[in-house]
Protein backbone atom coordinates (compact mmCIF):
# COMPACT_ATOMS: atom_id res chain seq x y z
CA MET A 1 -108.23 -29.43 83.93
CA GLN A 2 -108.08 -32.28 86.59
CA GLY A 3 -110.49 -34.19 84.65
CA ALA A 4 -108.25 -34.14 81.71
CA ALA A 5 -105.24 -35.04 83.75
CA ASP A 6 -107.34 -38.18 85.12
CA ALA A 7 -108.27 -39.12 81.70
CA ALA A 8 -104.77 -38.97 80.58
CA GLU A 9 -103.62 -41.13 83.70
CA ALA A 10 -106.15 -43.55 82.90
CA ALA A 11 -105.09 -43.83 79.30
CA SER A 12 -101.56 -44.11 80.34
CA ASN A 13 -102.34 -47.34 82.79
CA GLY A 14 -104.58 -48.71 80.29
CA LEU A 15 -101.42 -48.78 78.02
CA ARG A 16 -99.52 -51.17 80.44
CA GLY A 17 -99.17 -54.99 79.25
CA THR A 18 -100.08 -54.49 75.73
CA ASP A 19 -96.41 -55.09 74.69
CA VAL A 20 -95.72 -57.86 72.21
CA PRO A 21 -93.18 -60.23 73.35
CA LEU A 22 -90.54 -61.20 70.68
CA THR A 23 -90.18 -64.94 71.65
CA LEU A 24 -92.70 -67.48 72.98
CA GLY A 25 -92.28 -67.32 77.04
CA ASP A 26 -92.21 -70.38 79.27
CA GLY A 27 -95.50 -72.32 78.26
CA ASP A 28 -97.48 -69.37 78.51
CA GLY A 29 -99.85 -70.52 75.83
CA PHE A 30 -101.37 -74.14 75.76
CA LEU A 31 -100.60 -77.29 73.85
CA GLY A 32 -103.01 -77.78 70.85
CA ILE A 33 -103.03 -79.14 67.43
CA GLY A 34 -99.44 -77.96 65.88
CA GLY A 35 -97.79 -77.41 69.28
CA MET A 36 -98.45 -73.99 71.02
CA VAL A 37 -101.20 -71.90 70.58
CA PRO A 38 -100.39 -68.44 72.16
CA ALA A 39 -102.70 -66.18 73.52
CA ASP A 40 -101.98 -63.10 75.86
CA ASN A 41 -102.54 -60.01 73.80
CA ALA A 42 -104.35 -58.63 70.22
CA PHE A 43 -101.63 -60.43 68.31
CA GLY A 44 -101.60 -63.54 70.28
CA ARG A 45 -98.32 -64.41 72.39
CA THR A 46 -95.81 -63.32 69.83
CA LEU A 47 -96.37 -61.87 66.25
CA GLY A 48 -93.61 -64.40 64.84
CA MET A 49 -91.89 -61.81 63.14
CA PRO A 50 -89.35 -60.21 65.62
CA ALA A 51 -88.70 -57.27 63.61
CA VAL A 52 -92.50 -56.32 63.47
CA ALA A 53 -92.82 -56.99 67.02
CA ALA A 54 -89.91 -54.85 68.08
CA ALA A 55 -91.19 -52.03 65.98
CA TYR A 56 -94.46 -52.10 67.54
CA ASN A 57 -92.90 -52.32 71.08
CA ASP A 58 -90.65 -49.43 70.25
CA HIS A 59 -93.86 -47.21 69.03
CA LEU A 60 -95.92 -48.47 72.16
CA ALA A 61 -92.94 -47.20 74.23
CA LYS A 62 -93.05 -43.78 72.77
CA ILE A 63 -96.57 -43.71 73.45
CA GLN A 64 -96.64 -44.46 76.77
CA LYS A 65 -94.05 -41.92 77.28
CA LEU A 66 -96.01 -39.20 75.55
CA VAL A 67 -99.27 -40.16 77.36
CA ALA A 68 -97.46 -40.03 80.65
CA GLN A 69 -96.04 -36.73 79.79
CA LEU A 70 -99.60 -35.56 78.87
CA HIS A 71 -100.79 -36.56 82.22
CA GLN A 72 -97.93 -35.01 84.09
CA THR A 73 -98.24 -31.59 82.28
CA THR A 74 -101.80 -31.52 82.48
CA ALA A 75 -101.72 -32.31 86.16
CA ASP A 76 -99.26 -29.62 86.71
CA THR A 77 -101.34 -27.21 84.46
CA SER A 78 -104.43 -27.71 86.86
CA HIS A 79 -102.23 -27.39 90.15
CA ALA A 80 -100.79 -23.83 88.66
CA LEU A 81 -104.35 -22.68 87.46
CA MET A 82 -105.86 -23.60 91.09
CA ARG A 83 -102.67 -21.37 92.53
CA VAL A 84 -103.58 -18.35 90.11
CA ALA A 85 -107.40 -18.52 90.89
CA GLU A 86 -106.48 -18.62 94.50
CA LEU A 87 -104.21 -15.74 94.16
CA TYR A 88 -106.99 -13.48 92.15
CA GLU A 89 -109.51 -14.59 95.04
CA LYS A 90 -107.04 -13.20 97.46
CA ALA A 91 -106.21 -9.81 95.54
CA ASP A 92 -110.09 -9.36 95.17
CA GLU A 93 -110.62 -9.88 98.88
CA ASP A 94 -107.75 -7.70 99.73
CA SER A 95 -109.21 -4.77 97.55
CA LYS A 96 -112.57 -5.14 98.80
CA GLN A 97 -110.93 -4.63 102.03
CA ARG A 98 -109.17 -1.71 101.16
CA VAL A 99 -112.20 -0.06 99.57
CA ASN A 100 -114.11 -0.83 102.66
CA ARG A 101 -111.50 0.84 104.85
CA ALA A 102 -111.51 4.03 102.58
CA ALA A 103 -115.10 4.39 102.64
CA ALA A 104 -115.05 3.93 106.39
CA GLY A 105 -112.72 6.73 106.42
CA LEU A 106 -114.80 8.86 104.28
CA GLU A 107 -117.88 8.38 106.40
CA GLY A 108 -115.73 9.22 109.49
CA ASN A 109 -115.06 12.58 108.12
């Protein structure tokens, strides 16, 4: 379970910086034929279509939130399962001790 939590965290971290700016930045590209040549992400520095870029960013934000929730719930589940396993081990050990004490009591008679 912890491995799944680690994978979800890696996915969450991998989504950072993949947003698409709605406008060109302050000279983040370089000048070439025809002016600014954008280059910063899969779509360039901007999509040139603010509505599409805004929709992409909105979708990306939702995905980032869901992946972060996946990481948190997976990590929480992992910790809870570890605690349950510890409780079962303690109960098993307590049972063994009671059986041993009972057996020792029977042998003494």
